[in-house]
Amino acid sequence: MRVQVVLLFLALVVYSSGCTEQEGAPNTVVNAMESGNPNACSDLKEDSIRDACYSAAAIGNLSVDYCMRVKSDQSRNICIMGVAIGTLDEGACGRISDANQQKSCRESVQAAHG
């Protein structure tokens, strides 16, 4: 299940980052994913790329705290859901700002428990 979550987030990172003129941005996002370290993400200038980088670090480290650095509410909620499913932590769903997404997160974590 964790592999599926990671693959989902890689797809989201690629989709949300799109084409960028910021040199090194794709490498920074991949490094954040692999290392679970968000420190280099703060140097990225575009909000969407920075958010994708923080999300990648959150998934790489399975850290909801890193998700909280994401500016976009929608991207943050998706990040939290991914970490919650990856860690099977239903409590993390409570940090999602949208009630319907919280419910969906809890249901997904319960389903992942089997």
C-alpha atoms as a PDB file:
ATOM      1  CA  MET A   1       0.000   0.000   0.000  1.00  0.00           C
ATOM      2  CA  ARG A   2       2.820   2.419   0.837  1.00  0.00           C
ATOM      3  CA  VAL A   3       4.306   1.907  -2.614  1.00  0.00           C
ATOM      4  CA  GLN A   4       0.960   2.845  -4.188  1.00  0.00           C
ATOM      5  CA  VAL A   5       0.796   6.028  -2.106  1.00  0.00           C
ATOM      6  CA  VAL A   6       4.332   6.982  -3.079  1.00  0.00           C
ATOM      7  CA  LEU A   7       3.585   6.355  -6.757  1.00  0.00           C
ATOM      8  CA  LEU A   8       0.424   8.439  -6.496  1.00  0.00           C
ATOM      9  CA  PHE A   9       2.376  11.324  -5.014  1.00  0.00           C
ATOM     10  CA  LEU A  10       5.097  11.068  -7.614  1.00  0.00           C
ATOM     11  CA  ALA A  11       2.398  11.392 -10.257  1.00  0.00           C
ATOM     12  CA  LEU A  12       0.908  14.386  -8.422  1.00  0.00           C
ATOM     13  CA  VAL A  13       4.319  16.016  -8.108  1.00  0.00           C
ATOM     14  CA  VAL A  14       4.980  15.639 -11.812  1.00  0.00           C
ATOM     15  CA  TYR A  15       1.489  16.878 -12.697  1.00  0.00           C
ATOM     16  CA  SER A  16       1.534  19.860 -10.351  1.00  0.00           C
ATOM     17  CA  SER A  17       5.057  20.943 -11.229  1.00  0.00           C
ATOM     18  CA  GLY A  18       4.351  21.084 -14.961  1.00  0.00           C
ATOM     19  CA  CYS A  19       6.878  22.933 -17.029  1.00  0.00           C
ATOM     20  CA  THR A  20       9.077  25.259 -15.093  1.00  0.00           C
ATOM     21  CA  GLU A  21      11.888  27.545 -16.036  1.00  0.00           C
ATOM     22  CA  GLN A  22      13.463  27.306 -12.613  1.00  0.00           C
ATOM     23  CA  GLU A  23      16.694  25.435 -13.095  1.00  0.00           C
ATOM     24  CA  GLY A  24      17.174  22.435 -10.843  1.00  0.00           C
ATOM     25  CA  ALA A  25      13.566  22.306  -9.628  1.00  0.00           C
ATOM     26  CA  PRO A  26      12.874  18.719 -10.785  1.00  0.00           C
ATOM     27  CA  ASN A  27      16.089  17.485  -9.152  1.00  0.00           C
ATOM     28  CA  THR A  28      15.220  19.290  -5.923  1.00  0.00           C
ATOM     29  CA  VAL A  29      11.783  17.651  -5.828  1.00  0.00           C
ATOM     30  CA  VAL A  30      13.218  14.189  -6.525  1.00  0.00           C
ATOM     31  CA  ASN A  31      15.910  14.689  -3.878  1.00  0.00           C
ATOM     32  CA  ALA A  32      13.263  15.754  -1.349  1.00  0.00           C
ATOM     33  CA  MET A  33      11.267  12.620  -2.142  1.00  0.00           C
ATOM     34  CA  GLU A  34      14.244  10.294  -1.852  1.00  0.00           C
ATOM     35  CA  SER A  35      15.766  11.853   1.246  1.00  0.00           C
ATOM     36  CA  GLY A  36      12.618  12.969   3.043  1.00  0.00           C
ATOM     37  CA  ASN A  37      14.384  16.287   3.628  1.00  0.00           C
ATOM     38  CA  PRO A  38      12.446  19.467   2.766  1.00  0.00           C
ATOM     39  CA  ASN A  39      15.231  21.986   3.460  1.00  0.00           C
ATOM     40  CA  ALA A  40      16.074  22.687  -0.194  1.00  0.00           C
ATOM     41  CA  CYS A  41      12.386  23.195  -1.035  1.00  0.00           C
ATOM     42  CA  SER A  42      12.334  26.655   0.529  1.00  0.00           C
ATOM     43  CA  ASP A  43      14.765  27.888  -2.155  1.00  0.00           C
ATOM     44  CA  LEU A  44      12.272  27.162  -4.940  1.00  0.00           C
ATOM     45  CA  LYS A  45      10.605  30.339  -6.202  1.00  0.00           C
ATOM     46  CA  GLU A  46       7.321  29.060  -7.662  1.00  0.00           C
ATOM     47  CA  ASP A  47       4.669  28.236  -5.061  1.00  0.00           C
ATOM     48  CA  SER A  48       3.362  25.206  -6.955  1.00  0.00           C
ATOM     49  CA  ILE A  49       6.843  23.733  -7.330  1.00  0.00           C
ATOM     50  CA  ARG A  50       7.662  24.450  -3.690  1.00  0.00           C
ATOM     51  CA  ASP A  51       4.393  22.796  -2.623  1.00  0.00           C
ATOM     52  CA  ALA A  52       5.192  19.751  -4.762  1.00  0.00           C
ATOM     53  CA  CYS A  53       8.636  19.592  -3.176  1.00  0.00           C
ATOM     54  CA  TYR A  54       7.269  19.753   0.380  1.00  0.00           C
ATOM     55  CA  SER A  55       4.707  17.089  -0.510  1.00  0.00           C
ATOM     56  CA  ALA A  56       7.450  14.870  -1.912  1.00  0.00           C
ATOM     57  CA  ALA A  57       9.516  15.306   1.262  1.00  0.00           C
ATOM     58  CA  ALA A  58       6.455  14.548   3.385  1.00  0.00           C
ATOM     59  CA  ILE A  59       5.846  11.309   1.510  1.00  0.00           C
ATOM     60  CA  GLY A  60       9.537  10.403   1.568  1.00  0.00           C
ATOM     61  CA  ASN A  61       9.612  10.909   5.333  1.00  0.00           C
ATOM     62  CA  LEU A  62       5.941  10.063   6.044  1.00  0.00           C
ATOM     63  CA  SER A  63       5.681  13.351   7.938  1.00  0.00           C
ATOM     64  CA  VAL A  64       2.406  15.274   8.233  1.00  0.00           C
ATOM     65  CA  ASP A  65       4.430  18.176   9.652  1.00  0.00           C
ATOM     66  CA  TYR A  66       6.124  18.610   6.278  1.00  0.00           C
ATOM     67  CA  CYS A  67       2.665  18.668   4.627  1.00  0.00           C
ATOM     68  CA  MET A  68       1.813  21.668   6.789  1.00  0.00           C
ATOM     69  CA  ARG A  69       4.445  23.702   4.903  1.00  0.00           C
ATOM     70  CA  VAL A  70       2.371  23.387   1.711  1.00  0.00           C
ATOM     71  CA  LYS A  71       0.567  26.691   0.980  1.00  0.00           C
ATOM     72  CA  SER A  72      -2.260  25.420  -1.212  1.00  0.00           C
ATOM     73  CA  ASP A  73      -5.108  24.019   0.904  1.00  0.00           C
ATOM     74  CA  GLN A  74      -5.989  21.413  -1.703  1.00  0.00           C
ATOM     75  CA  SER A  75      -2.393  20.234  -2.129  1.00  0.00           C
ATOM     76  CA  ARG A  76      -1.878  20.219   1.651  1.00  0.00           C
ATOM     77  CA  ASN A  77      -4.993  18.090   2.159  1.00  0.00           C
ATOM     78  CA  ILE A  78      -3.863  15.610  -0.507  1.00  0.00           C
ATOM     79  CA  CYS A  79      -0.436  15.447   1.114  1.00  0.00           C
ATOM     80  CA  ILE A  80      -1.898  14.782   4.556  1.00  0.00           C
ATOM     81  CA  MET A  81      -4.155  12.081   3.159  1.00  0.00           C
ATOM     82  CA  GLY A  82      -1.195  10.391   1.483  1.00  0.00           C
ATOM     83  CA  VAL A  83       0.839  10.392   4.680  1.00  0.00           C
ATOM     84  CA  ALA A  84      -2.156   9.207   6.731  1.00  0.00           C
ATOM     85  CA  ILE A  85      -2.697   6.264   4.388  1.00  0.00           C
ATOM     86  CA  GLY A  86       1.025   5.506   4.203  1.00  0.00           C
ATOM     87  CA  THR A  87       1.328   5.422   7.988  1.00  0.00           C
ATOM     88  CA  LEU A  88      -2.177   4.015   8.635  1.00  0.00           C
ATOM     89  CA  ASP A  89      -2.694   6.970  11.005  1.00  0.00           C
ATOM     90  CA  GLU A  90      -6.361   7.919  10.994  1.00  0.00           C
ATOM     91  CA  GLY A  91      -5.633  10.698  13.500  1.00  0.00           C
ATOM     92  CA  ALA A  92      -3.610  12.573  10.880  1.00  0.00           C
ATOM     93  CA  CYS A  93      -6.815  13.006   8.860  1.00  0.00           C
ATOM     94  CA  GLY A  94      -7.970  15.497  11.503  1.00  0.00           C
ATOM     95  CA  ARG A  95      -5.440  18.000  10.154  1.00  0.00           C
ATOM     96  CA  ILE A  96      -7.251  18.162   6.809  1.00  0.00           C
ATOM     97  CA  SER A  97      -9.121  21.464   6.466  1.00  0.00           C
ATOM     98  CA  ASP A  98     -12.105  20.156   4.465  1.00  0.00           C
ATOM     99  CA  ALA A  99     -14.690  18.014   6.313  1.00  0.00           C
ATOM    100  CA  ASN A 100     -15.519  15.855   3.278  1.00  0.00           C
ATOM    101  CA  GLN A 101     -11.848  15.189   2.606  1.00  0.00           C
ATOM    102  CA  GLN A 102     -11.344  14.348   6.293  1.00  0.00           C
ATOM    103  CA  LYS A 103     -14.089  11.747   6.028  1.00  0.00           C
ATOM    104  CA  SER A 104     -12.618  10.354   2.818  1.00  0.00           C
ATOM    105  CA  CYS A 105      -9.198  10.198   4.461  1.00  0.00           C
ATOM    106  CA  ARG A 106     -10.522   8.270   7.451  1.00  0.00           C
ATOM    107  CA  GLU A 107     -12.357   5.837   5.190  1.00  0.00           C
ATOM    108  CA  SER A 108      -9.219   5.328   3.091  1.00  0.00           C
ATOM    109  CA  VAL A 109      -7.076   4.659   6.161  1.00  0.00           C
ATOM    110  CA  GLN A 110      -9.659   2.189   7.484  1.00  0.00           C
ATOM    111  CA  ALA A 111      -9.754   0.439   4.099  1.00  0.00           C
ATOM    112  CA  ALA A 112      -5.954   0.270   4.043  1.00  0.00           C
ATOM    113  CA  HIS A 113      -6.033  -1.447   7.443  1.00  0.00           C
ATOM    114  CA  GLY A 114      -7.982  -4.216   5.721  1.00  0.00           C
END
